[in-house]
Amino acid sequence: MPTGVALRDVRQQLFDAAERILLRDGPSALTSRAVTDEAGVAKGVLHKHFADFDEFLAEFVLDRVGQTPPALTDAVGVGTVADNVTEALTALLSSVALAIVPLVTFRSQLRVRLRRTWPAGVPVLTEGAIMLGEYLAAEQRLGRVDPAADPQTLGAMLIGTAHLQFADRTAGPPTPEAVRVIVDSVLR
């Protein structure tokens, strides 16, 4: 790319390129050169906006966590709890969120950077567990979830169990019916 050409929203352009590579080729293919090539920008552009590649990846992960499906607050008291949770899990784990998990696992320096702003867990999965726990607590207050249940524990169980089902990239994602079986089992 010639120098002096203004780039619009270069951070988003680089993040979108990283997401395409991550989804298409996996975390091992995600390099600064691959990202700039995919984005169609000069090699130095990434380093002009980020101190190093791990900083870029940390900001990419946090950006994508912010784009996860919306919280279930609008679903409280509407439909069935199991349907709402099934839909939320399917949406969350069908997004780029699933691909972020091995990326965080794959790069130790990325985990170090993320710990500065995200003290525990893998950001996407932790955020999903929190979201589900809050939703289940709200449903519990309405009497739609067993009063003896611990909503935060249920949220973590749902995320962990569903993640195991979605993580098998060779078999493809589980059907909504398979996710519903998980949800029904955990909520019982």
Protein backbone atom coordinates (compact mmCIF):
# COMPACT_ATOMS: atom_id res chain seq x y z
CA MET A 1 0.00 0.00 0.00
CA PRO A 2 1.49 3.39 -0.88
CA THR A 3 2.48 5.59 2.02
CA GLY A 4 0.39 8.65 2.64
CA VAL A 5 -2.91 6.88 1.87
CA ALA A 6 -5.38 7.48 4.68
CA LEU A 7 -6.93 4.34 6.15
CA ARG A 8 -10.43 4.45 7.57
CA ASP A 9 -11.00 2.70 10.87
CA VAL A 10 -7.75 0.74 10.61
CA ARG A 11 -8.20 -0.96 13.99
CA GLN A 12 -11.54 -2.44 12.89
CA GLN A 13 -10.05 -3.41 9.54
CA LEU A 14 -7.24 -5.28 11.30
CA PHE A 15 -9.62 -6.90 13.82
CA ASP A 16 -11.91 -8.08 11.01
CA ALA A 17 -8.92 -9.53 9.15
CA ALA A 18 -7.78 -11.34 12.31
CA GLU A 19 -11.27 -12.78 12.78
CA ARG A 20 -11.37 -14.10 9.19
CA ILE A 21 -7.98 -15.78 9.62
CA LEU A 22 -8.90 -17.22 13.01
CA LEU A 23 -12.16 -18.69 11.71
CA ARG A 24 -10.70 -19.95 8.46
CA ASP A 25 -7.25 -21.19 9.50
CA GLY A 26 -7.15 -21.38 13.29
CA PRO A 27 -4.96 -19.70 15.92
CA SER A 28 -1.63 -21.01 14.62
CA ALA A 29 -2.13 -19.08 11.37
CA LEU A 30 -2.70 -15.77 13.14
CA THR A 31 0.49 -13.75 12.67
CA SER A 32 1.04 -10.03 12.23
CA ARG A 33 2.03 -10.60 8.60
CA ALA A 34 -1.07 -12.70 7.94
CA VAL A 35 -3.29 -10.03 9.51
CA THR A 36 -1.81 -7.15 7.52
CA ASP A 37 -1.89 -9.20 4.30
CA GLU A 38 -5.53 -10.15 4.93
CA ALA A 39 -6.41 -6.53 5.72
CA GLY A 40 -4.58 -5.30 2.62
CA VAL A 41 -2.41 -2.84 4.52
CA ALA A 42 1.33 -2.28 4.83
CA LYS A 43 3.20 -4.40 7.35
CA GLY A 44 3.99 -1.45 9.62
CA VAL A 45 0.37 -0.37 10.03
CA LEU A 46 -0.33 -2.88 12.78
CA HIS A 47 2.73 -1.78 14.76
CA LYS A 48 1.83 1.87 14.31
CA HIS A 49 -1.42 1.29 16.20
CA PHE A 50 -0.30 -1.40 18.69
CA ALA A 51 2.91 -1.77 20.69
CA ASP A 52 3.29 -5.39 19.58
CA PHE A 53 1.29 -8.31 18.24
CA ASP A 54 0.25 -9.57 21.67
CA GLU A 55 -1.23 -6.14 22.47
CA PHE A 56 -3.10 -6.31 19.16
CA LEU A 57 -4.42 -9.79 20.01
CA ALA A 58 -5.48 -8.75 23.52
CA GLU A 59 -7.42 -5.79 22.15
CA PHE A 60 -8.88 -8.00 19.41
CA VAL A 61 -10.13 -10.53 22.00
CA LEU A 62 -11.63 -7.81 24.20
CA ASP A 63 -13.27 -6.19 21.15
CA ARG A 64 -14.84 -9.48 20.14
CA VAL A 65 -15.98 -10.22 23.70
CA GLY A 66 -17.81 -6.90 23.49
CA GLN A 67 -19.57 -8.14 20.36
CA THR A 68 -20.90 -11.36 21.85
CA PRO A 69 -24.67 -11.85 21.61
CA PRO A 70 -26.68 -9.50 23.82
CA ALA A 71 -27.46 -10.35 27.40
CA LEU A 72 -30.64 -12.21 28.17
CA THR A 73 -32.20 -9.34 30.12
CA ASP A 74 -34.99 -8.92 27.56
CA ALA A 75 -35.81 -12.63 27.77
CA VAL A 76 -36.51 -12.67 31.53
CA GLY A 77 -40.06 -13.89 32.07
CA VAL A 78 -40.63 -14.46 28.33
CA GLY A 79 -40.85 -17.86 26.64
CA THR A 80 -39.31 -20.78 28.48
CA VAL A 81 -36.09 -20.63 30.44
CA ALA A 82 -34.72 -23.67 28.58
CA ASP A 83 -35.50 -22.16 25.16
CA ASN A 84 -33.88 -18.86 26.11
CA VAL A 85 -30.74 -20.54 27.44
CA THR A 86 -30.52 -22.87 24.43
CA GLU A 87 -30.76 -19.92 22.06
CA ALA A 88 -28.18 -17.91 24.00
CA LEU A 89 -25.68 -20.78 24.15
CA THR A 90 -26.08 -21.52 20.46
CA ALA A 91 -25.61 -17.86 19.51
CA LEU A 92 -22.60 -17.39 21.78
CA LEU A 93 -20.77 -20.55 20.82
CA SER A 94 -21.56 -20.25 17.11
CA SER A 95 -19.83 -16.88 16.95
CA VAL A 96 -16.14 -16.03 16.81
CA ALA A 97 -16.22 -16.61 20.56
CA LEU A 98 -15.55 -20.30 20.08
CA ALA A 99 -12.44 -19.61 17.99
CA ILE A 100 -11.10 -17.21 20.62
CA VAL A 101 -10.80 -19.96 23.22
CA PRO A 102 -7.99 -21.86 21.46
CA LEU A 103 -6.32 -18.56 20.56
CA VAL A 104 -6.10 -17.61 24.24
CA THR A 105 -4.95 -21.13 25.08
CA PHE A 106 -2.39 -21.13 22.24
CA ARG A 107 -0.60 -17.88 23.18
CA SER A 108 0.80 -17.54 26.69
CA GLN A 109 1.74 -13.86 26.26
CA LEU A 110 -1.83 -13.12 25.22
CA ARG A 111 -3.07 -14.65 28.47
CA VAL A 112 -0.61 -12.45 30.39
CA ARG A 113 -1.95 -9.33 28.61
CA LEU A 114 -5.57 -10.32 29.15
CA ARG A 115 -4.99 -10.87 32.88
CA ARG A 116 -4.35 -7.13 33.20
CA THR A 117 -8.01 -6.41 32.45
CA TRP A 118 -9.61 -9.85 32.75
CA PRO A 119 -8.47 -11.49 35.99
CA ALA A 120 -9.86 -15.01 35.56
CA GLY A 121 -10.89 -17.53 32.96
CA VAL A 122 -11.11 -17.20 29.20
CA PRO A 123 -12.88 -13.89 28.50
CA VAL A 124 -15.58 -15.20 26.17
CA LEU A 125 -16.49 -18.21 28.29
CA THR A 126 -16.33 -16.27 31.55
CA GLU A 127 -18.55 -13.52 30.14
CA GLY A 128 -21.02 -16.14 28.90
CA ALA A 129 -21.14 -17.86 32.30
CA ILE A 130 -21.75 -14.54 34.03
CA MET A 131 -24.49 -13.61 31.54
CA LEU A 132 -26.24 -16.96 32.03
CA GLY A 133 -25.89 -16.78 35.82
CA GLU A 134 -27.44 -13.30 35.89
CA TYR A 135 -30.27 -14.41 33.62
CA LEU A 136 -30.97 -17.52 35.71
CA ALA A 137 -30.92 -15.44 38.92
CA ALA A 138 -33.51 -13.09 37.42
CA GLU A 139 -35.67 -16.05 36.39
CA GLN A 140 -35.21 -17.53 39.87
CA ARG A 141 -36.61 -14.33 41.40
CA LEU A 142 -39.70 -14.83 39.20
CA GLY A 143 -40.04 -18.43 40.39
CA ARG A 144 -39.10 -19.93 37.01
CA VAL A 145 -35.85 -21.53 38.28
CA ASP A 146 -35.61 -23.81 41.33
CA PRO A 147 -35.10 -21.60 44.41
CA ALA A 148 -32.46 -24.02 45.76
CA ALA A 149 -30.33 -23.72 42.61
CA ASP A 150 -27.15 -21.63 42.44
CA PRO A 151 -27.55 -19.58 39.22
CA GLN A 152 -23.83 -18.78 38.87
CA THR A 153 -22.88 -22.44 39.15
CA LEU A 154 -25.56 -23.36 36.62
CA GLY A 155 -24.23 -20.69 34.24
CA ALA A 156 -20.70 -22.06 34.49
CA MET A 157 -21.92 -25.64 34.04
CA LEU A 158 -23.93 -24.67 30.97
CA ILE A 159 -21.01 -22.82 29.35
CA GLY A 160 -18.52 -25.59 30.10
CA THR A 161 -20.73 -28.42 28.93
CA ALA A 162 -21.92 -26.62 25.80
CA HIS A 163 -18.36 -25.55 24.96
CA LEU A 164 -17.26 -29.18 24.98
CA GLN A 165 -19.98 -29.96 22.44
CA PHE A 166 -19.19 -26.98 20.19
CA ALA A 167 -15.40 -27.36 20.39
CA ASP A 168 -15.25 -30.38 18.08
CA ARG A 169 -14.49 -28.55 14.84
CA THR A 170 -14.53 -31.73 12.72
CA ALA A 171 -18.08 -32.79 13.51
CA GLY A 172 -19.58 -29.33 13.12
CA PRO A 173 -21.73 -27.59 15.69
CA PRO A 174 -24.30 -29.54 17.67
CA THR A 175 -27.93 -29.24 16.66
CA PRO A 176 -30.22 -27.00 18.69
CA GLU A 177 -31.86 -30.19 19.92
CA ALA A 178 -28.53 -31.47 21.27
CA VAL A 179 -27.93 -28.14 23.03
CA ARG A 180 -31.44 -28.35 24.48
CA VAL A 181 -30.63 -31.78 25.97
CA ILE A 182 -27.65 -30.20 27.75
CA VAL A 183 -29.76 -27.29 28.99
CA ASP A 184 -32.55 -29.53 30.23
CA SER A 185 -30.08 -31.79 32.05
CA VAL A 186 -28.26 -28.95 33.78
CA LEU A 187 -31.41 -27.06 34.74
CA ARG A 188 -32.92 -30.20 36.29
